[in-house]
Amino acid sequence: MDKTKSDYTALLNQLRDGEIKEFTIKPAEFFLFQQAFMDYETRKRIIGTAGDQGIVVYHYDNDN
């Protein structure tokens, strides 16, 4: 089942709220994720670390 922009916004909320520590975005998901990310109010606190094959792992920076 393909995710929607709302699904990615929900993931971002879970990350912000500490319900999850991180999540992974694969290249095929990036365009739709990017739409949710750019509309997200606290996106500057979400840190992505690029890995192999275009996979990015995101976590929330609570220290700023």
N, C-alpha and C. Protein backbone atom coordinates (compact mmCIF):
# COMPACT_ATOMS: atom_id res chain seq x y z
N MET A 1 0.85 -1.19 0.00
CA MET A 1 0.00 0.00 0.00
C MET A 1 0.88 1.24 0.00
N ASP A 2 0.63 2.14 -0.93
CA ASP A 2 1.41 3.36 -1.03
C ASP A 2 1.00 4.35 0.04
N LYS A 3 1.98 5.08 0.54
CA LYS A 3 1.72 6.09 1.56
C LYS A 3 1.24 7.37 0.90
N THR A 4 0.53 8.18 1.68
CA THR A 4 0.05 9.47 1.22
C THR A 4 0.83 10.57 1.95
N LYS A 5 0.62 11.78 1.53
CA LYS A 5 1.24 12.92 2.20
C LYS A 5 0.83 12.95 3.68
N SER A 6 -0.42 12.61 3.96
CA SER A 6 -0.92 12.57 5.34
C SER A 6 -0.19 11.52 6.17
N ASP A 7 0.15 10.39 5.54
CA ASP A 7 0.91 9.35 6.23
C ASP A 7 2.28 9.87 6.65
N TYR A 8 2.92 10.61 5.77
CA TYR A 8 4.24 11.17 6.09
C TYR A 8 4.14 12.24 7.16
N THR A 9 3.08 13.05 7.12
CA THR A 9 2.86 14.05 8.16
C THR A 9 2.66 13.35 9.51
N ALA A 10 1.93 12.25 9.52
CA ALA A 10 1.74 11.48 10.75
C ALA A 10 3.07 10.94 11.27
N LEU A 11 3.94 10.47 10.37
CA LEU A 11 5.27 10.01 10.78
C LEU A 11 6.07 11.15 11.40
N LEU A 12 6.01 12.32 10.78
CA LEU A 12 6.72 13.48 11.31
C LEU A 12 6.20 13.85 12.70
N ASN A 13 4.88 13.76 12.89
CA ASN A 13 4.29 14.03 14.21
C ASN A 13 4.77 13.01 15.24
N GLN A 14 4.81 11.75 14.87
CA GLN A 14 5.29 10.71 15.78
C GLN A 14 6.75 10.95 16.16
N LEU A 15 7.52 11.39 15.21
CA LEU A 15 8.93 11.69 15.46
C LEU A 15 9.06 12.86 16.44
N ARG A 16 8.31 13.92 16.19
CA ARG A 16 8.33 15.11 17.06
C ARG A 16 7.88 14.77 18.47
N ASP A 17 6.86 13.93 18.58
CA ASP A 17 6.27 13.60 19.87
C ASP A 17 7.03 12.52 20.62
N GLY A 18 8.08 11.99 20.02
CA GLY A 18 8.89 10.97 20.68
C GLY A 18 8.31 9.57 20.64
N GLU A 19 7.27 9.37 19.85
CA GLU A 19 6.67 8.04 19.73
C GLU A 19 7.58 7.09 18.96
N ILE A 20 8.37 7.64 18.04
CA ILE A 20 9.38 6.87 17.31
C ILE A 20 10.68 7.66 17.36
N LYS A 21 11.81 6.96 17.26
CA LYS A 21 13.11 7.62 17.32
C LYS A 21 13.59 8.07 15.95
N GLU A 22 13.21 7.33 14.91
CA GLU A 22 13.66 7.64 13.56
C GLU A 22 12.77 6.90 12.56
N PHE A 23 12.87 7.33 11.31
CA PHE A 23 12.24 6.58 10.23
C PHE A 23 13.08 6.74 8.98
N THR A 24 12.89 5.82 8.06
CA THR A 24 13.71 5.75 6.85
C THR A 24 12.86 6.06 5.62
N ILE A 25 13.43 6.86 4.73
CA ILE A 25 12.78 7.18 3.46
C ILE A 25 13.66 6.65 2.32
N LYS A 26 13.04 5.88 1.44
CA LYS A 26 13.73 5.34 0.27
C LYS A 26 13.53 6.30 -0.90
N PRO A 27 14.41 6.24 -1.90
CA PRO A 27 14.31 7.18 -3.03
C PRO A 27 12.93 7.23 -3.69
N ALA A 28 12.26 6.10 -3.82
CA ALA A 28 10.94 6.08 -4.46
C ALA A 28 9.90 6.84 -3.65
N GLU A 29 10.12 7.02 -2.36
CA GLU A 29 9.18 7.71 -1.48
C GLU A 29 9.48 9.21 -1.34
N PHE A 30 10.67 9.62 -1.77
CA PHE A 30 11.15 10.94 -1.41
C PHE A 30 10.27 12.08 -1.89
N PHE A 31 9.78 12.04 -3.13
CA PHE A 31 9.00 13.16 -3.66
C PHE A 31 7.77 13.44 -2.80
N LEU A 32 7.02 12.40 -2.47
CA LEU A 32 5.82 12.59 -1.66
C LEU A 32 6.18 12.99 -0.23
N PHE A 33 7.21 12.37 0.32
CA PHE A 33 7.67 12.75 1.66
C PHE A 33 8.08 14.22 1.68
N GLN A 34 8.79 14.66 0.66
CA GLN A 34 9.28 16.05 0.59
C GLN A 34 8.13 17.04 0.65
N GLN A 35 7.01 16.70 0.05
CA GLN A 35 5.83 17.58 0.10
C GLN A 35 5.35 17.76 1.54
N ALA A 36 5.27 16.66 2.28
CA ALA A 36 4.85 16.74 3.69
C ALA A 36 5.90 17.46 4.51
N PHE A 37 7.15 17.18 4.25
CA PHE A 37 8.26 17.77 5.00
C PHE A 37 8.28 19.30 4.83
N MET A 38 8.14 19.77 3.62
CA MET A 38 8.20 21.22 3.37
C MET A 38 7.04 21.97 4.01
N ASP A 39 5.91 21.30 4.20
CA ASP A 39 4.75 21.93 4.84
C ASP A 39 4.78 21.78 6.36
N TYR A 40 5.76 21.05 6.88
CA TYR A 40 5.80 20.75 8.31
C TYR A 40 6.38 21.92 9.10
N GLU A 41 5.66 22.33 10.13
CA GLU A 41 6.00 23.54 10.89
C GLU A 41 7.39 23.51 11.52
N THR A 42 7.79 22.40 12.10
CA THR A 42 9.09 22.32 12.78
C THR A 42 10.12 21.53 11.98
N ARG A 43 10.07 21.64 10.65
CA ARG A 43 10.96 20.84 9.80
C ARG A 43 12.44 21.13 10.03
N LYS A 44 12.77 22.31 10.52
CA LYS A 44 14.19 22.64 10.75
C LYS A 44 14.79 21.81 11.87
N ARG A 45 13.97 21.16 12.67
CA ARG A 45 14.47 20.32 13.77
C ARG A 45 14.55 18.85 13.36
N ILE A 46 14.12 18.56 12.15
CA ILE A 46 14.18 17.19 11.66
C ILE A 46 15.45 17.03 10.84
N ILE A 47 16.28 16.10 11.26
CA ILE A 47 17.60 15.91 10.67
C ILE A 47 17.61 14.61 9.87
N GLY A 48 18.06 14.71 8.62
CA GLY A 48 18.18 13.53 7.77
C GLY A 48 19.64 13.18 7.57
N THR A 49 19.95 11.90 7.67
CA THR A 49 21.29 11.41 7.44
C THR A 49 21.25 10.48 6.23
N ALA A 50 21.97 10.89 5.18
CA ALA A 50 21.98 10.10 3.95
C ALA A 50 22.80 8.84 4.11
N GLY A 51 22.28 7.78 3.55
CA GLY A 51 22.98 6.50 3.58
C GLY A 51 23.21 6.00 2.16
N ASP A 52 23.49 4.74 2.04
CA ASP A 52 23.74 4.12 0.75
C ASP A 52 22.47 4.06 -0.09
N GLN A 53 22.64 4.12 -1.39
CA GLN A 53 21.57 3.95 -2.37
C GLN A 53 20.43 4.94 -2.21
N GLY A 54 20.72 6.14 -1.74
CA GLY A 54 19.72 7.19 -1.64
C GLY A 54 18.76 7.08 -0.46
N ILE A 55 19.05 6.20 0.46
CA ILE A 55 18.19 6.03 1.63
C ILE A 55 18.57 7.07 2.68
N VAL A 56 17.56 7.75 3.25
CA VAL A 56 17.79 8.79 4.25
C VAL A 56 17.05 8.40 5.54
N VAL A 57 17.77 8.49 6.66
CA VAL A 57 17.18 8.20 7.96
C VAL A 57 16.97 9.54 8.67
N TYR A 58 15.76 9.79 9.11
CA TYR A 58 15.40 11.04 9.77
C TYR A 58 15.20 10.84 11.27
N HIS A 59 15.65 11.82 12.03
CA HIS A 59 15.39 11.85 13.47
C HIS A 59 15.08 13.29 13.86
N TYR A 60 14.53 13.48 15.06
CA TYR A 60 14.13 14.80 15.54
C TYR A 60 15.18 15.33 16.50
N ASP A 61 15.62 16.55 16.29
CA ASP A 61 16.63 17.18 17.14
C ASP A 61 15.92 17.93 18.26
N ASN A 62 15.94 17.38 19.46
CA ASN A 62 15.28 17.98 20.61
C ASN A 62 16.18 18.98 21.34
N ASP A 63 17.44 19.08 20.95
CA ASP A 63 18.40 19.90 21.68
C ASP A 63 18.41 21.37 21.29
N ASN A 64 17.74 21.75 20.22
CA ASN A 64 17.77 23.16 19.79
C ASN A 64 16.68 23.94 20.43
